PDB file of all heavy atoms in Angstrom:
ATOM      1  N   VAL A   1      20.269   3.727   9.725  1.00  0.00           N
ATOM      2  CA  VAL A   1      20.400   4.800   8.758  1.00  0.00           C
ATOM      3  C   VAL A   1      19.326   5.874   8.970  1.00  0.00           C
ATOM      4  O   VAL A   1      19.584   7.067   8.944  1.00  0.00           O
ATOM      5  CB  VAL A   1      20.383   4.277   7.318  1.00  0.00           C
ATOM      6  CG1 VAL A   1      20.217   5.416   6.309  1.00  0.00           C
ATOM      7  CG2 VAL A   1      21.638   3.489   7.027  1.00  0.00           C
ATOM      8  N   PHE A   2      18.076   5.414   9.192  1.00  0.00           N
ATOM      9  CA  PHE A   2      16.955   6.347   9.377  1.00  0.00           C
ATOM     10  C   PHE A   2      16.776   6.775  10.843  1.00  0.00           C
ATOM     11  O   PHE A   2      15.953   7.653  11.119  1.00  0.00           O
ATOM     12  CB  PHE A   2      15.653   5.723   8.876  1.00  0.00           C
ATOM     13  CG  PHE A   2      15.458   5.846   7.384  1.00  0.00           C
ATOM     14  CD1 PHE A   2      15.984   4.902   6.519  1.00  0.00           C
ATOM     15  CD2 PHE A   2      14.774   6.907   6.840  1.00  0.00           C
ATOM     16  CE1 PHE A   2      15.822   5.005   5.140  1.00  0.00           C
ATOM     17  CE2 PHE A   2      14.601   7.043   5.463  1.00  0.00           C
ATOM     18  CZ  PHE A   2      15.146   6.083   4.609  1.00  0.00           C
ATOM     19  N   GLN A   3      17.531   6.151  11.758  1.00  0.00           N
ATOM     20  CA  GLN A   3      17.405   6.427  13.179  1.00  0.00           C
ATOM     21  C   GLN A   3      15.925   6.347  13.615  1.00  0.00           C
ATOM     22  O   GLN A   3      15.389   7.238  14.265  1.00  0.00           O
ATOM     23  CB  GLN A   3      17.998   7.775  13.545  1.00  0.00           C
ATOM     24  CG  GLN A   3      19.528   7.753  13.651  1.00  0.00           C
ATOM     25  CD  GLN A   3      20.004   6.848  14.792  1.00  0.00           C
ATOM     26  OE1 GLN A   3      19.758   7.126  15.953  1.00  0.00           O
ATOM     27  NE2 GLN A   3      20.677   5.753  14.433  1.00  0.00           N
ATOM     28  N   ALA A   4      15.304   5.247  13.222  1.00  0.00           N
ATOM     29  CA  ALA A   4      13.883   5.019  13.512  1.00  0.00           C
ATOM     30  C   ALA A   4      13.626   3.538  13.666  1.00  0.00           C
ATOM     31  O   ALA A   4      14.313   2.702  13.035  1.00  0.00           O
ATOM     32  CB  ALA A   4      13.012   5.586  12.386  1.00  0.00           C
ATOM     33  N   PRO A   5      12.683   3.154  14.514  1.00  0.00           N
ATOM     34  CA  PRO A   5      12.318   1.754  14.609  1.00  0.00           C
ATOM     35  C   PRO A   5      11.711   1.240  13.303  1.00  0.00           C
ATOM     36  O   PRO A   5      10.989   1.986  12.620  1.00  0.00           O
ATOM     37  CB  PRO A   5      11.317   1.709  15.770  1.00  0.00           C
ATOM     38  CG  PRO A   5      10.734   3.084  15.796  1.00  0.00           C
ATOM     39  CD  PRO A   5      11.832   4.004  15.382  1.00  0.00           C
ATOM     40  N   VAL A   6      11.992   0.019  12.980  1.00  0.00           N
ATOM     41  CA  VAL A   6      11.455  -0.611  11.751  1.00  0.00           C
ATOM     42  C   VAL A   6      10.423  -1.656  12.164  1.00  0.00           C
ATOM     43  O   VAL A   6      10.681  -2.522  12.986  1.00  0.00           O
ATOM     44  CB  VAL A   6      12.569  -1.262  10.932  1.00  0.00           C
ATOM     45  CG1 VAL A   6      11.978  -1.996   9.731  1.00  0.00           C
ATOM     46  CG2 VAL A   6      13.562  -0.205  10.433  1.00  0.00           C
ATOM     47  N   PHE A   7       9.254  -1.534  11.566  1.00  0.00           N
ATOM     48  CA  PHE A   7       8.186  -2.494  11.771  1.00  0.00           C
ATOM     49  C   PHE A   7       7.952  -3.245  10.468  1.00  0.00           C
ATOM     50  O   PHE A   7       8.050  -2.657   9.386  1.00  0.00           O
ATOM     51  CB  PHE A   7       6.894  -1.806  12.202  1.00  0.00           C
ATOM     52  CG  PHE A   7       6.958  -1.145  13.539  1.00  0.00           C
ATOM     53  CD1 PHE A   7       7.551   0.109  13.690  1.00  0.00           C
ATOM     54  CD2 PHE A   7       6.468  -1.764  14.673  1.00  0.00           C
ATOM     55  CE1 PHE A   7       7.624   0.741  14.929  1.00  0.00           C
ATOM     56  CE2 PHE A   7       6.548  -1.167  15.924  1.00  0.00           C
ATOM     57  CZ  PHE A   7       7.122   0.091  16.057  1.00  0.00           C
ATOM     58  N   VAL A   8       7.646  -4.505  10.570  1.00  0.00           N
ATOM     59  CA  VAL A   8       7.377  -5.285   9.359  1.00  0.00           C
ATOM     60  C   VAL A   8       5.873  -5.501   9.247  1.00  0.00           C
ATOM     61  O   VAL A   8       5.158  -5.550  10.258  1.00  0.00           O
ATOM     62  CB  VAL A   8       8.117  -6.631   9.328  1.00  0.00           C
ATOM     63  CG1 VAL A   8       9.611  -6.401   9.200  1.00  0.00           C
ATOM     64  CG2 VAL A   8       7.806  -7.455  10.572  1.00  0.00           C
ATOM     65  N   MET A   9       5.432  -5.606   8.008  1.00  0.00           N
ATOM     66  CA  MET A   9       4.007  -5.716   7.757  1.00  0.00           C
ATOM     67  C   MET A   9       3.793  -6.663   6.592  1.00  0.00           C
ATOM     68  O   MET A   9       4.533  -6.654   5.627  1.00  0.00           O
ATOM     69  CB  MET A   9       3.411  -4.351   7.452  1.00  0.00           C
ATOM     70  CG  MET A   9       4.191  -3.575   6.419  1.00  0.00           C
ATOM     71  SD  MET A   9       3.815  -1.832   6.390  1.00  0.00           S
ATOM     72  CE  MET A   9       2.071  -1.804   6.212  1.00  0.00           C
ATOM     73  N   ASP A  10       2.803  -7.501   6.719  1.00  0.00           N
ATOM     74  CA  ASP A  10       2.441  -8.440   5.671  1.00  0.00           C
ATOM     75  C   ASP A  10       1.144  -7.941   5.049  1.00  0.00           C
ATOM     76  O   ASP A  10       0.064  -8.300   5.474  1.00  0.00           O
ATOM     77  CB  ASP A  10       2.291  -9.837   6.235  1.00  0.00           C
ATOM     78  CG  ASP A  10       1.952 -10.855   5.153  1.00  0.00           C
ATOM     79  OD1 ASP A  10       2.145 -10.535   3.976  1.00  0.00           O
ATOM     80  OD2 ASP A  10       1.473 -11.967   5.492  1.00  0.00           O
ATOM     81  N   VAL A  11       1.310  -7.064   4.057  1.00  0.00           N
ATOM     82  CA  VAL A  11       0.133  -6.456   3.438  1.00  0.00           C
ATOM     83  C   VAL A  11       0.040  -6.967   2.001  1.00  0.00           C
ATOM     84  O   VAL A  11       0.869  -6.634   1.161  1.00  0.00           O
ATOM     85  CB  VAL A  11       0.224  -4.917   3.450  1.00  0.00           C
ATOM     86  CG1 VAL A  11      -0.992  -4.329   2.743  1.00  0.00           C
ATOM     87  CG2 VAL A  11       0.284  -4.405   4.858  1.00  0.00           C
ATOM     88  N   SER A  12      -0.953  -7.802   1.743  1.00  0.00           N
ATOM     89  CA  SER A  12      -1.183  -8.288   0.405  1.00  0.00           C
ATOM     90  C   SER A  12      -2.204  -7.359  -0.276  1.00  0.00           C
ATOM     91  O   SER A  12      -3.210  -6.994   0.334  1.00  0.00           O
ATOM     92  CB  SER A  12      -1.710  -9.712   0.455  1.00  0.00           C
ATOM     93  OG  SER A  12      -1.993 -10.205  -0.838  1.00  0.00           O
ATOM     94  N   ASN A  13      -1.954  -7.030  -1.543  1.00  0.00           N
ATOM     95  CA  ASN A  13      -2.873  -6.163  -2.291  1.00  0.00           C
ATOM     96  C   ASN A  13      -3.183  -4.888  -1.507  1.00  0.00           C
ATOM     97  O   ASN A  13      -4.351  -4.548  -1.237  1.00  0.00           O
ATOM     98  CB  ASN A  13      -4.175  -6.912  -2.602  1.00  0.00           C
ATOM     99  CG  ASN A  13      -3.972  -8.085  -3.509  1.00  0.00           C
ATOM    100  OD1 ASN A  13      -3.093  -8.080  -4.374  1.00  0.00           O
ATOM    101  ND2 ASN A  13      -4.748  -9.130  -3.341  1.00  0.00           N
ATOM    102  N   SER A  14      -2.140  -4.168  -1.143  1.00  0.00           N
ATOM    103  CA  SER A  14      -2.303  -3.021  -0.233  1.00  0.00           C
ATOM    104  C   SER A  14      -3.197  -1.922  -0.827  1.00  0.00           C
ATOM    105  O   SER A  14      -3.950  -1.290  -0.071  1.00  0.00           O
ATOM    106  CB  SER A  14      -0.919  -2.446   0.142  1.00  0.00           C
ATOM    107  OG  SER A  14      -0.201  -2.028  -1.007  1.00  0.00           O
ATOM    108  N   ALA A  15      -3.146  -1.694  -2.128  1.00  0.00           N
ATOM    109  CA  ALA A  15      -3.999  -0.647  -2.708  1.00  0.00           C
ATOM    110  C   ALA A  15      -5.464  -1.048  -2.574  1.00  0.00           C
ATOM    111  O   ALA A  15      -6.317  -0.214  -2.221  1.00  0.00           O
ATOM    112  CB  ALA A  15      -3.630  -0.435  -4.184  1.00  0.00           C
ATOM    113  N   CYS A  16      -5.777  -2.286  -2.880  1.00  0.00           N
ATOM    114  CA  CYS A  16      -7.140  -2.786  -2.777  1.00  0.00           C
ATOM    115  C   CYS A  16      -7.651  -2.704  -1.336  1.00  0.00           C
ATOM    116  O   CYS A  16      -8.759  -2.230  -1.060  1.00  0.00           O
ATOM    117  CB  CYS A  16      -7.150  -4.226  -3.270  1.00  0.00           C
ATOM    118  SG  CYS A  16      -8.622  -4.752  -4.115  1.00  0.00           S
ATOM    119  N   LEU A  17      -6.814  -3.187  -0.415  1.00  0.00           N
ATOM    120  CA  LEU A  17      -7.186  -3.151   0.997  1.00  0.00           C
ATOM    121  C   LEU A  17      -7.367  -1.717   1.478  1.00  0.00           C
ATOM    122  O   LEU A  17      -8.322  -1.401   2.221  1.00  0.00           O
ATOM    123  CB  LEU A  17      -6.108  -3.865   1.822  1.00  0.00           C
ATOM    124  CG  LEU A  17      -6.326  -3.919   3.340  1.00  0.00           C
ATOM    125  CD1 LEU A  17      -7.603  -4.653   3.659  1.00  0.00           C
ATOM    126  CD2 LEU A  17      -5.118  -4.573   4.022  1.00  0.00           C
ATOM    127  N   GLY A  18      -6.455  -0.830   1.065  1.00  0.00           N
ATOM    128  CA  GLY A  18      -6.559   0.574   1.455  1.00  0.00           C
ATOM    129  C   GLY A  18      -7.860   1.205   1.028  1.00  0.00           C
ATOM    130  O   GLY A  18      -8.442   2.052   1.741  1.00  0.00           O
ATOM    131  N   CYS A  19      -8.359   0.785  -0.146  1.00  0.00           N
ATOM    132  CA  CYS A  19      -9.613   1.363  -0.625  1.00  0.00           C
ATOM    133  C   CYS A  19     -10.816   0.780   0.085  1.00  0.00           C
ATOM    134  O   CYS A  19     -11.840   1.456   0.236  1.00  0.00           O
ATOM    135  CB  CYS A  19      -9.694   1.189  -2.150  1.00  0.00           C
ATOM    136  SG  CYS A  19      -8.510   2.246  -3.016  1.00  0.00           S
ATOM    137  N   ALA A  20     -10.708  -0.444   0.574  1.00  0.00           N
ATOM    138  CA  ALA A  20     -11.754  -0.974   1.423  1.00  0.00           C
ATOM    139  C   ALA A  20     -11.817  -0.184   2.740  1.00  0.00           C
ATOM    140  O   ALA A  20     -12.894   0.148   3.239  1.00  0.00           O
ATOM    141  CB  ALA A  20     -11.547  -2.463   1.682  1.00  0.00           C
ATOM    142  N   TYR A  21     -10.614   0.124   3.293  1.00  0.00           N
ATOM    143  CA  TYR A  21     -10.567   0.978   4.483  1.00  0.00           C
ATOM    144  C   TYR A  21     -11.187   2.343   4.199  1.00  0.00           C
ATOM    145  O   TYR A  21     -11.947   2.883   4.995  1.00  0.00           O
ATOM    146  CB  TYR A  21      -9.113   1.192   4.919  1.00  0.00           C
ATOM    147  CG  TYR A  21      -8.398  -0.005   5.496  1.00  0.00           C
ATOM    148  CD1 TYR A  21      -7.004  -0.082   5.401  1.00  0.00           C
ATOM    149  CD2 TYR A  21      -9.069  -1.027   6.153  1.00  0.00           C
ATOM    150  CE1 TYR A  21      -6.301  -1.154   5.947  1.00  0.00           C
ATOM    151  CE2 TYR A  21      -8.372  -2.106   6.700  1.00  0.00           C
ATOM    152  CZ  TYR A  21      -6.995  -2.166   6.583  1.00  0.00           C
ATOM    153  OH  TYR A  21      -6.297  -3.217   7.125  1.00  0.00           O
ATOM    154  N   ARG A  22     -10.842   2.918   3.050  1.00  0.00           N
ATOM    155  CA  ARG A  22     -11.321   4.261   2.692  1.00  0.00           C
ATOM    156  C   ARG A  22     -12.860   4.232   2.494  1.00  0.00           C
ATOM    157  O   ARG A  22     -13.529   5.196   2.834  1.00  0.00           O
ATOM    158  CB  ARG A  22     -10.635   4.754   1.425  1.00  0.00           C
ATOM    159  CG  ARG A  22      -9.150   5.041   1.617  1.00  0.00           C
ATOM    160  CD  ARG A  22      -8.475   5.458   0.302  1.00  0.00           C
ATOM    161  NE  ARG A  22      -9.173   6.534  -0.330  1.00  0.00           N
ATOM    162  CZ  ARG A  22      -9.941   6.390  -1.411  1.00  0.00           C
ATOM    163  NH1 ARG A  22     -10.072   5.226  -2.006  1.00  0.00           N
ATOM    164  NH2 ARG A  22     -10.559   7.442  -1.915  1.00  0.00           N
ATOM    165  N   ALA A  23     -13.366   3.131   1.954  1.00  0.00           N
ATOM    166  CA  ALA A  23     -14.826   2.997   1.801  1.00  0.00           C
ATOM    167  C   ALA A  23     -15.482   3.019   3.168  1.00  0.00           C
ATOM    168  O   ALA A  23     -16.540   3.663   3.362  1.00  0.00           O
ATOM    169  CB  ALA A  23     -15.160   1.698   1.077  1.00  0.00           C
ATOM    170  N   ARG A  24     -14.872   2.361   4.139  1.00  0.00           N
ATOM    171  CA  ARG A  24     -15.461   2.354   5.472  1.00  0.00           C
ATOM    172  C   ARG A  24     -15.427   3.746   6.089  1.00  0.00           C
ATOM    173  O   ARG A  24     -16.409   4.181   6.704  1.00  0.00           O
ATOM    174  CB  ARG A  24     -14.701   1.356   6.369  1.00  0.00           C
ATOM    175  CG  ARG A  24     -15.314   1.237   7.789  1.00  0.00           C
ATOM    176  CD  ARG A  24     -14.668   0.089   8.540  1.00  0.00           C
ATOM    177  NE  ARG A  24     -15.339  -0.126   9.831  1.00  0.00           N
ATOM    178  CZ  ARG A  24     -14.946   0.417  10.989  1.00  0.00           C
ATOM    179  NH1 ARG A  24     -13.857   1.165  11.026  1.00  0.00           N
ATOM    180  NH2 ARG A  24     -15.620   0.171  12.091  1.00  0.00           N
ATOM    181  N   GLN A  25     -14.321   4.467   5.902  1.00  0.00           N
ATOM    182  CA  GLN A  25     -14.254   5.821   6.456  1.00  0.00           C
ATOM    183  C   GLN A  25     -15.307   6.710   5.795  1.00  0.00           C
ATOM    184  O   GLN A  25     -15.991   7.505   6.486  1.00  0.00           O
ATOM    185  CB  GLN A  25     -12.886   6.441   6.257  1.00  0.00           C
ATOM    186  CG  GLN A  25     -12.767   7.818   6.898  1.00  0.00           C
ATOM    187  CD  GLN A  25     -11.539   8.589   6.473  1.00  0.00           C
ATOM    188  OE1 GLN A  25     -10.873   8.238   5.499  1.00  0.00           O
ATOM    189  NE2 GLN A  25     -11.229   9.649   7.179  1.00  0.00           N
ATOM    190  N   GLY A  26     -15.448   6.607   4.475  1.00  0.00           N
ATOM    191  CA  GLY A  26     -16.450   7.414   3.790  1.00  0.00           C
ATOM    192  C   GLY A  26     -17.855   7.131   4.259  1.00  0.00           C
ATOM    193  O   GLY A  26     -18.687   8.024   4.378  1.00  0.00           O
ATOM    194  N   TRP A  27     -18.134   5.858   4.532  1.00  0.00           N
ATOM    195  CA  TRP A  27     -19.476   5.468   5.011  1.00  0.00           C
ATOM    196  C   TRP A  27     -19.689   5.990   6.437  1.00  0.00           C
ATOM    197  O   TRP A  27     -20.785   6.479   6.742  1.00  0.00           O
ATOM    198  CB  TRP A  27     -19.576   3.958   4.965  1.00  0.00           C
ATOM    199  CG  TRP A  27     -20.868   3.405   5.487  1.00  0.00           C
ATOM    200  CD1 TRP A  27     -22.097   3.476   4.893  1.00  0.00           C
ATOM    201  CD2 TRP A  27     -21.048   2.671   6.706  1.00  0.00           C
ATOM    202  NE1 TRP A  27     -23.039   2.845   5.679  1.00  0.00           N
ATOM    203  CE2 TRP A  27     -22.411   2.326   6.807  1.00  0.00           C
ATOM    204  CE3 TRP A  27     -20.176   2.271   7.725  1.00  0.00           C
ATOM    205  CZ2 TRP A  27     -22.942   1.610   7.856  1.00  0.00           C
ATOM    206  CZ3 TRP A  27     -20.696   1.544   8.788  1.00  0.00           C
ATOM    207  CH2 TRP A  27     -22.057   1.228   8.852  1.00  0.00           C
ATOM    208  N   LEU A  28     -18.663   5.915   7.273  1.00  0.00           N
ATOM    209  CA  LEU A  28     -18.822   6.423   8.633  1.00  0.00           C
ATOM    210  C   LEU A  28     -18.914   7.940   8.665  1.00  0.00           C
ATOM    211  O   LEU A  28     -19.502   8.505   9.579  1.00  0.00           O
ATOM    212  CB  LEU A  28     -17.609   5.971   9.494  1.00  0.00           C
ATOM    213  CG  LEU A  28     -17.545   4.458   9.806  1.00  0.00           C
ATOM    214  CD1 LEU A  28     -16.210   4.135  10.442  1.00  0.00           C
ATOM    215  CD2 LEU A  28     -18.695   4.042  10.720  1.00  0.00           C
ATOM    216  N   GLY A  29     -18.321   8.591   7.660  1.00  0.00           N
ATOM    217  CA  GLY A  29     -18.333  10.033   7.564  1.00  0.00           C
ATOM    218  C   GLY A  29     -16.976  10.608   7.830  1.00  0.00           C
ATOM    219  O   GLY A  29     -16.538  10.683   8.988  1.00  0.00           O
ATOM    220  N   SER A  30     -16.249  10.957   6.767  1.00  0.00           N
ATOM    221  CA  SER A  30     -14.879  11.431   6.936  1.00  0.00           C
ATOM    222  C   SER A  30     -14.819  12.737   7.722  1.00  0.00           C
ATOM    223  O   SER A  30     -13.769  13.090   8.265  1.00  0.00           O
ATOM    224  CB  SER A  30     -14.223  11.626   5.565  1.00  0.00           C
ATOM    225  OG  SER A  30     -14.948  12.554   4.780  1.00  0.00           O
ATOM    226  N   ASP A  31     -15.963  13.449   7.813  1.00  0.00           N
ATOM    227  CA  ASP A  31     -16.003  14.672   8.596  1.00  0.00           C
ATOM    228  C   ASP A  31     -16.202  14.346  10.084  1.00  0.00           C
ATOM    229  O   ASP A  31     -16.042  15.226  10.942  1.00  0.00           O
ATOM    230  CB  ASP A  31     -17.125  15.585   8.123  1.00  0.00           C
ATOM    231  CG  ASP A  31     -18.501  14.914   8.152  1.00  0.00           C
ATOM    232  OD1 ASP A  31     -18.553  13.660   8.050  1.00  0.00           O
ATOM    233  OD2 ASP A  31     -19.505  15.631   8.236  1.00  0.00           O
ATOM    234  N   LYS A  32     -16.516  13.099  10.392  1.00  0.00           N
ATOM    235  CA  LYS A  32     -16.773  12.690  11.770  1.00  0.00           C
ATOM    236  C   LYS A  32     -15.648  11.821  12.343  1.00  0.00           C
ATOM    237  O   LYS A  32     -15.481  11.764  13.568  1.00  0.00           O
ATOM    238  CB  LYS A  32     -18.094  11.908  11.850  1.00  0.00           C
ATOM    239  CG  LYS A  32     -19.311  12.716  11.390  1.00  0.00           C
ATOM    240  CD  LYS A  32     -20.551  11.838  11.325  1.00  0.00           C
ATOM    241  CE  LYS A  32     -21.729  12.598  10.753  1.00  0.00           C
ATOM    242  NZ  LYS A  32     -22.918  11.740  10.559  1.00  0.00           N
TER     243      LYS A  32
END
């Protein structure tokens, strides 16, 4: 229907995990 490959992902607590990722980016420097 979407004419696109489908990938599956096992993401538990995705919002929480995403914010841990975002914390790492902010620490590394989002401008860098």
